[in-house]
Amino acid sequence: MGKRASGRPVSGGARKPRPTPEQQRQMAALLTQGLAGTAVAREVGVSRGAVRHFVATGGKAAPAGRRPFFLREEEELLVRFVKVQALLGRGLTRTGFLRWVGEYISCLSTERQASARSYFGGSLTPGMSFFRLFLGRWPALQMYRVGT
């Protein structure tokens, strides 16, 4: 189990690099001719997954994963708020930050609150992964406890 019929392991294969702009142009030309994705991948020299991604995104470079819930301006507002809280000596902990974000979401419109519930799994307060991703987008923010 865990091996293919050829005897090679299922995972650990060599990854092909991202398609170059020239390869993307070739893929677009071959796909408009009606070739199947497997034939296009073989002809251009890219993986079938790269062709599927190219077809799904329409050839546009799309970042992996979901878009952030907040707009850039809203995130900047949250960062400024956190910095003010730091000046007041409240620290930056995960629970405090997520509580502040939940309070901010509760002040938004009902449509936006409904989208937040669907985005955050039925709650207005986001979870740990949101906190990690938010801090990743704003490296100037550092977690610290009150009094440190």
Protein backbone atom coordinates (compact mmCIF):
# COMPACT_ATOMS: atom_id res chain seq x y z
CA MET A 1 0.00 0.00 0.00
CA GLY A 2 1.27 3.51 -0.71
CA LYS A 3 2.97 2.47 -3.94
CA ARG A 4 1.79 2.66 -7.50
CA ALA A 5 1.68 -0.29 -9.84
CA SER A 6 5.04 0.83 -11.22
CA GLY A 7 6.61 0.43 -7.79
CA ARG A 8 7.27 4.13 -7.25
CA PRO A 9 6.03 5.84 -4.08
CA VAL A 10 2.87 7.92 -4.42
CA SER A 11 4.32 11.11 -2.99
CA GLY A 12 7.72 12.72 -3.27
CA GLY A 13 7.84 13.13 -7.03
CA ALA A 14 9.79 15.96 -8.61
CA ARG A 15 7.75 19.16 -8.91
CA LYS A 16 7.82 21.09 -12.13
CA PRO A 17 8.43 24.83 -11.84
CA ARG A 18 5.67 27.37 -12.42
CA PRO A 19 4.92 27.90 -16.14
CA THR A 20 6.81 30.73 -17.76
CA PRO A 21 4.94 33.47 -19.66
CA GLU A 22 5.95 31.78 -22.92
CA GLN A 23 4.52 28.46 -21.75
CA GLN A 24 1.33 30.23 -20.69
CA ARG A 25 0.98 31.70 -24.19
CA GLN A 26 1.51 28.24 -25.67
CA MET A 27 -1.09 26.74 -23.34
CA ALA A 28 -3.62 29.42 -24.31
CA ALA A 29 -3.03 28.81 -28.01
CA LEU A 30 -3.32 25.02 -27.70
CA LEU A 31 -6.40 25.18 -25.50
CA THR A 32 -8.17 27.46 -27.99
CA GLN A 33 -7.44 24.84 -30.66
CA GLY A 34 -9.41 22.35 -28.56
CA LEU A 35 -6.61 20.09 -27.32
CA ALA A 36 -7.22 18.16 -24.12
CA GLY A 37 -5.43 19.23 -20.94
CA THR A 38 -3.19 16.16 -20.89
CA ALA A 39 -2.06 16.75 -24.47
CA VAL A 40 -1.42 20.42 -23.72
CA ALA A 41 0.64 19.52 -20.65
CA ARG A 42 2.72 17.05 -22.65
CA GLU A 43 3.21 19.46 -25.56
CA VAL A 44 4.18 22.49 -23.46
CA GLY A 45 6.16 20.59 -20.83
CA VAL A 46 4.17 21.52 -17.73
CA SER A 47 2.19 19.48 -15.26
CA ARG A 48 -1.48 18.67 -15.79
CA GLY A 49 -2.20 20.55 -12.58
CA ALA A 50 -0.62 23.67 -14.08
CA VAL A 51 -2.93 23.36 -17.09
CA ARG A 52 -5.97 22.83 -14.84
CA HIS A 53 -5.00 25.90 -12.80
CA PHE A 54 -4.50 27.92 -15.99
CA VAL A 55 -7.97 26.94 -17.22
CA ALA A 56 -9.63 27.55 -13.84
CA THR A 57 -8.15 31.03 -13.41
CA GLY A 58 -8.46 32.02 -17.05
CA GLY A 59 -4.72 32.51 -17.28
CA LYS A 60 -4.62 35.09 -14.50
CA ALA A 61 -2.21 34.74 -11.63
CA ALA A 62 -4.41 34.06 -8.62
CA PRO A 63 -2.99 33.59 -5.13
CA ALA A 64 -3.74 30.32 -3.45
CA GLY A 65 -6.40 30.20 -0.78
CA ARG A 66 -9.27 32.44 0.20
CA ARG A 67 -9.13 36.19 0.05
CA PRO A 68 -8.84 37.98 3.38
CA PHE A 69 -12.22 38.88 4.91
CA PHE A 70 -11.29 42.50 5.56
CA LEU A 71 -10.37 45.08 2.97
CA ARG A 72 -6.88 46.56 3.12
CA GLU A 73 -8.24 49.78 4.65
CA GLU A 74 -10.06 47.84 7.35
CA GLU A 75 -6.92 45.90 8.21
CA GLU A 76 -4.97 49.16 8.45
CA LEU A 77 -7.63 50.46 10.82
CA LEU A 78 -7.30 47.33 12.97
CA VAL A 79 -3.51 47.71 13.02
CA ARG A 80 -3.79 51.33 14.15
CA PHE A 81 -6.27 50.28 16.83
CA VAL A 82 -3.93 47.56 18.10
CA LYS A 83 -1.06 50.04 18.24
CA VAL A 84 -3.19 52.46 20.27
CA GLN A 85 -4.10 49.62 22.62
CA ALA A 86 -0.38 48.91 22.99
CA LEU A 87 0.25 52.54 23.97
CA LEU A 88 -2.44 52.16 26.62
CA GLY A 89 -0.61 49.14 27.97
CA ARG A 90 -3.11 46.42 27.08
CA GLY A 91 -0.68 44.19 25.18
CA LEU A 92 -1.36 42.08 22.13
CA THR A 93 -2.63 38.62 22.95
CA ARG A 94 -4.54 36.29 20.68
CA THR A 95 -7.72 36.33 22.77
CA GLY A 96 -7.71 40.11 23.13
CA PHE A 97 -7.14 40.67 19.43
CA LEU A 98 -9.84 38.22 18.38
CA ARG A 99 -12.28 39.82 20.85
CA TRP A 100 -11.55 43.27 19.32
CA VAL A 101 -12.07 41.91 15.82
CA GLY A 102 -15.36 40.32 16.91
CA GLU A 103 -16.53 43.64 18.35
CA TYR A 104 -15.57 45.40 15.12
CA ILE A 105 -17.52 42.86 13.05
CA SER A 106 -20.57 43.25 15.31
CA CYS A 107 -20.63 46.97 14.39
CA LEU A 108 -20.79 46.22 10.65
CA SER A 109 -23.95 45.92 8.55
CA THR A 110 -26.15 42.84 8.79
CA GLU A 111 -25.10 41.67 5.31
CA ARG A 112 -21.45 41.93 6.27
CA GLN A 113 -22.13 40.10 9.55
CA ALA A 114 -23.82 37.29 7.62
CA SER A 115 -20.80 36.97 5.34
CA ALA A 116 -18.55 36.99 8.42
CA ARG A 117 -20.56 34.13 9.92
CA SER A 118 -20.14 32.10 6.74
CA TYR A 119 -16.45 33.02 6.52
CA PHE A 120 -15.63 32.28 10.18
CA GLY A 121 -17.65 29.09 10.57
CA GLY A 122 -20.88 30.44 12.09
CA SER A 123 -19.33 32.95 14.50
CA LEU A 124 -18.59 36.64 14.39
CA THR A 125 -15.28 36.05 16.14
CA PRO A 126 -12.51 34.57 13.98
CA GLY A 127 -10.23 31.80 15.16
CA MET A 128 -6.54 31.08 15.63
CA SER A 129 -5.74 30.67 11.94
CA PHE A 130 -7.11 34.16 11.21
CA PHE A 131 -4.84 35.57 13.92
CA ARG A 132 -1.74 33.83 12.51
CA LEU A 133 -2.52 34.92 8.95
CA PHE A 134 -3.23 38.50 10.04
CA LEU A 135 0.09 38.74 11.90
CA GLY A 136 1.77 37.26 8.82
CA ARG A 137 0.39 40.08 6.68
CA TRP A 138 1.42 42.71 9.25
CA PRO A 139 4.92 41.81 10.45
CA ALA A 140 5.23 45.08 12.40
CA LEU A 141 2.76 43.66 14.94
CA GLN A 142 4.32 41.42 17.56
CA MET A 143 2.52 39.39 20.19
CA TYR A 144 3.32 40.41 23.75
CA ARG A 145 1.68 40.24 27.14
CA VAL A 146 0.79 43.18 29.31
CA GLY A 147 3.72 44.43 31.39
CA THR A 148 6.49 42.95 29.23
